[in-house]
Protein backbone atom coordinates (compact mmCIF):
# COMPACT_ATOMS: atom_id res chain seq x y z
CA MET A 1 -70.27 -143.07 -151.14
CA GLN A 2 -69.76 -145.88 -148.77
CA PHE A 3 -72.18 -148.73 -148.91
CA GLY A 4 -71.68 -152.20 -147.53
CA SER A 5 -71.38 -155.19 -149.79
CA GLU A 6 -75.14 -155.71 -149.53
CA THR A 7 -77.22 -155.39 -152.66
CA ARG A 8 -80.84 -154.38 -152.77
CA THR A 9 -83.38 -154.79 -155.52
CA ALA A 10 -86.42 -152.60 -155.82
CA ALA A 11 -89.80 -154.16 -155.43
CA PRO A 12 -91.74 -153.85 -158.68
CA ALA A 13 -94.60 -151.37 -158.65
CA ALA A 14 -98.08 -152.84 -158.69
CA PRO A 15 -99.50 -152.77 -162.23
CA GLY A 16 -101.94 -149.93 -162.76
CA CYS A 17 -100.98 -148.35 -159.43
CA VAL A 18 -99.76 -144.80 -159.82
CA SER A 19 -98.34 -143.61 -156.55
CA PHE A 20 -97.74 -140.01 -155.57
CA ALA A 21 -94.05 -140.59 -156.30
CA ALA A 22 -94.90 -141.66 -159.86
CA GLN A 23 -96.53 -138.31 -160.41
CA MET A 24 -93.39 -136.40 -159.40
CA ASP A 25 -91.25 -134.99 -162.12
CA VAL A 26 -88.14 -137.06 -162.78
CA LEU A 27 -85.99 -133.95 -162.77
CA VAL A 28 -87.16 -133.08 -159.26
CA LEU A 29 -86.11 -136.54 -158.09
CA ILE A 30 -82.74 -136.17 -159.79
CA ASP A 31 -82.24 -132.84 -158.03
CA LYS A 32 -83.10 -134.47 -154.71
CA LEU A 33 -80.54 -137.23 -155.33
CA ASP A 34 -77.93 -134.68 -156.33
CA ASP A 35 -78.65 -132.63 -153.18
CA LEU A 36 -78.41 -135.76 -151.05
CA VAL A 37 -74.94 -136.56 -152.39
CA HIS A 38 -73.81 -132.94 -152.41
CA ASN A 39 -74.89 -132.30 -148.82
CA ALA A 40 -73.67 -135.65 -147.45
CA ARG A 41 -71.23 -135.70 -144.55
CA PRO A 42 -67.62 -136.22 -145.65
CA VAL A 43 -65.61 -139.17 -144.39
CA PRO A 44 -62.55 -137.71 -142.63
CA LEU A 45 -59.26 -137.96 -144.51
CA THR A 46 -60.91 -139.19 -147.74
CA ASP A 47 -62.76 -137.75 -150.68
CA GLN A 48 -65.73 -139.95 -149.81
CA VAL A 49 -69.05 -139.01 -148.28
CA ARG A 50 -71.61 -140.88 -146.21
CA VAL A 51 -75.22 -140.96 -147.34
CA ASP A 52 -78.30 -142.59 -145.92
CA ARG A 53 -78.70 -145.73 -147.99
CA GLU A 54 -82.47 -145.85 -147.48
CA GLU A 55 -82.83 -142.26 -148.73
CA VAL A 56 -80.90 -143.15 -151.89
CA TYR A 57 -82.95 -146.30 -152.42
CA ASP A 58 -86.16 -144.40 -151.79
CA LEU A 59 -85.25 -141.82 -154.46
CA LEU A 60 -84.27 -144.58 -156.89
CA ASP A 61 -87.58 -146.37 -156.27
CA GLN A 62 -89.45 -143.12 -156.93
CA MET A 63 -87.51 -142.68 -160.18
CA ARG A 64 -88.37 -146.22 -161.23
CA ALA A 65 -92.03 -145.48 -160.57
CA THR A 66 -91.95 -142.15 -162.44
CA ILE A 67 -90.31 -143.30 -165.66
CA PRO A 68 -93.09 -145.76 -166.61
CA GLU A 69 -95.62 -142.95 -166.02
CA GLU A 70 -93.75 -140.71 -168.47
CA ILE A 71 -93.68 -143.54 -171.00
CA LYS A 72 -97.45 -143.95 -170.55
CA GLN A 73 -97.80 -140.22 -171.23
CA ALA A 74 -95.78 -140.56 -174.43
CA ARG A 75 -97.96 -143.46 -175.55
CA TRP A 76 -101.06 -141.38 -174.77
CA ILE A 77 -99.68 -138.56 -176.92
CA VAL A 78 -99.08 -140.93 -179.83
CA LYS A 79 -102.61 -142.30 -179.44
CA GLU A 80 -104.04 -138.77 -179.35
CA ARG A 81 -102.11 -137.92 -182.52
CA GLN A 82 -103.52 -140.99 -184.27
CA GLU A 83 -107.03 -140.08 -183.16
CA MET A 84 -106.56 -136.50 -184.40
CA LEU A 85 -105.35 -137.78 -187.77
CA ALA A 86 -108.30 -140.17 -188.02
CA GLU A 87 -110.71 -137.35 -187.16
CA ALA A 88 -109.08 -135.10 -189.78
CA LYS A 89 -109.45 -137.85 -192.37
CA ARG A 90 -113.12 -138.40 -191.46
CA GLU A 91 -113.76 -134.66 -191.70
CA ALA A 92 -112.02 -134.48 -195.07
CA GLU A 93 -114.04 -137.46 -196.33
CA ARG A 94 -117.26 -135.86 -195.09
CA ILE A 95 -116.40 -132.60 -196.85
CA VAL A 96 -115.50 -134.45 -200.06
CA LYS A 97 -118.77 -136.40 -199.86
CA GLU A 98 -120.70 -133.19 -199.36
CA ALA A 99 -118.88 -131.63 -202.29
CA ARG A 100 -119.74 -134.56 -204.52
CA GLU A 101 -123.36 -134.48 -203.40
CA GLN A 102 -123.50 -130.78 -204.09
CA GLN A 103 -121.91 -131.36 -207.47
CA ALA A 104 -124.53 -133.99 -208.31
CA ARG A 105 -127.35 -131.59 -207.43
CA LEU A 106 -125.90 -128.90 -209.68
CA VAL A 107 -125.62 -131.08 -212.77
CA ALA A 108 -129.10 -130.12 -214.03
CA ASN A 109 -127.99 -127.68 -216.71
CA GLU A 110 -124.78 -127.10 -218.66
CA GLU A 111 -123.85 -123.70 -217.26
CA ILE A 112 -124.74 -124.81 -213.75
CA THR A 113 -122.80 -128.01 -214.37
CA ARG A 114 -119.60 -126.11 -215.23
CA GLN A 115 -120.04 -123.88 -212.19
CA ALA A 116 -120.71 -126.91 -210.02
CA GLU A 117 -117.56 -128.63 -211.22
CA ARG A 118 -115.46 -125.59 -210.44
CA ALA A 119 -117.09 -125.15 -207.03
CA ALA A 120 -116.75 -128.85 -206.21
CA GLU A 121 -113.09 -128.87 -207.15
CA GLU A 122 -112.52 -125.84 -204.95
CA ILE A 123 -114.34 -127.52 -202.08
CA VAL A 124 -112.37 -130.72 -202.57
CA GLU A 125 -109.13 -128.75 -202.70
CA GLU A 126 -110.11 -126.81 -199.57
CA ALA A 127 -110.97 -130.08 -197.84
CA ARG A 128 -107.61 -131.55 -198.80
CA GLU A 129 -105.81 -128.43 -197.64
CA ARG A 130 -107.74 -128.43 -194.35
CA GLU A 131 -106.98 -132.12 -193.81
CA ARG A 132 -103.31 -131.41 -194.55
CA GLU A 133 -103.26 -128.49 -192.10
CA ILE A 134 -104.91 -130.56 -189.37
CA ARG A 135 -102.58 -133.50 -189.99
CA LEU A 136 -99.46 -131.31 -189.98
CA GLY A 137 -100.65 -129.52 -186.86
CA ALA A 138 -101.26 -132.81 -185.10
CA GLU A 139 -97.86 -134.13 -186.15
CA ASP A 140 -96.12 -130.93 -185.00
CA TYR A 141 -97.92 -131.09 -181.67
CA ALA A 142 -97.01 -134.73 -181.13
CA ASP A 143 -93.42 -134.08 -182.21
CA ASP A 144 -93.09 -131.16 -179.79
CA ILE A 145 -94.39 -133.26 -176.90
CA LEU A 146 -92.19 -136.23 -177.79
CA SER A 147 -89.19 -133.92 -178.22
CA THR A 148 -89.75 -132.47 -174.76
CA LEU A 149 -90.06 -135.97 -173.34
CA GLU A 150 -86.87 -137.03 -175.14
CA VAL A 151 -84.95 -134.05 -173.71
CA ASN A 152 -86.25 -134.81 -170.20
CA LEU A 153 -85.32 -138.48 -170.50
CA GLN A 154 -81.85 -137.55 -171.80
CA LYS A 155 -81.35 -135.19 -168.86
CA PHE A 156 -82.53 -137.94 -166.53
CA LEU A 157 -80.10 -140.45 -168.02
CA GLN A 158 -77.22 -137.96 -167.85
CA ALA A 159 -78.00 -137.15 -164.22
CA VAL A 160 -78.24 -140.84 -163.35
CA GLN A 161 -74.89 -141.46 -165.07
CA ARG A 162 -73.30 -138.54 -163.18
CA GLY A 163 -74.68 -139.96 -159.95
CA ARG A 164 -73.35 -143.41 -160.75
CA ASP A 165 -69.98 -141.94 -161.68
CA ARG A 166 -69.90 -140.08 -158.39
CA LEU A 167 -70.88 -143.21 -156.50
CA GLN A 168 -68.26 -145.33 -158.25
CA GLY A 169 -65.57 -142.71 -157.69
CA ARG A 170 -66.36 -142.50 -154.00
CA GLU A 171 -66.97 -146.18 -153.26
CA ARG A 172 -63.33 -147.15 -153.76
CA GLU A 173 -61.28 -147.16 -150.60
CA PRO A 174 -58.16 -144.94 -150.77
CA ALA A 175 -54.78 -146.66 -150.62
CA ASP A 176 -53.15 -146.69 -147.18
CA VAL A 177 -50.67 -143.83 -146.77
């Protein structure tokens, strides 16, 4: 692409301000940038193309606004996972407490005591198993979401690198024939 020697820096987004562009999917923006370059008018007698600089900068600004939003989403997912784990632990502790209280009530007689111990151990084991299931489910959920985010960010970085490679390959002026 042909750009002048001018450089432009993006204005930072206002903190806490989520624009419409920030809500757009990064992959959609990458596709728009790719289409812009792909459909650009060729410069006669060269392998270069001409693109509207402001359109490119606008797409780049939108990408800059979108990436922090996706990072916020990843942080939210991690926080949700931690809250789910804490809730699972509280539930397990409540169940264990109830099991112990039930065990204490059943201690009145020897036969009942033995039955109570067996029942309490089963309840404690069930509580531990339930806590484990909840914890593993929460971890799997968070891992799936983070994996999807990682794949999307990798695709974004690859697309950005391809775009930069295209730009660098087309910015050089051909040698005079």
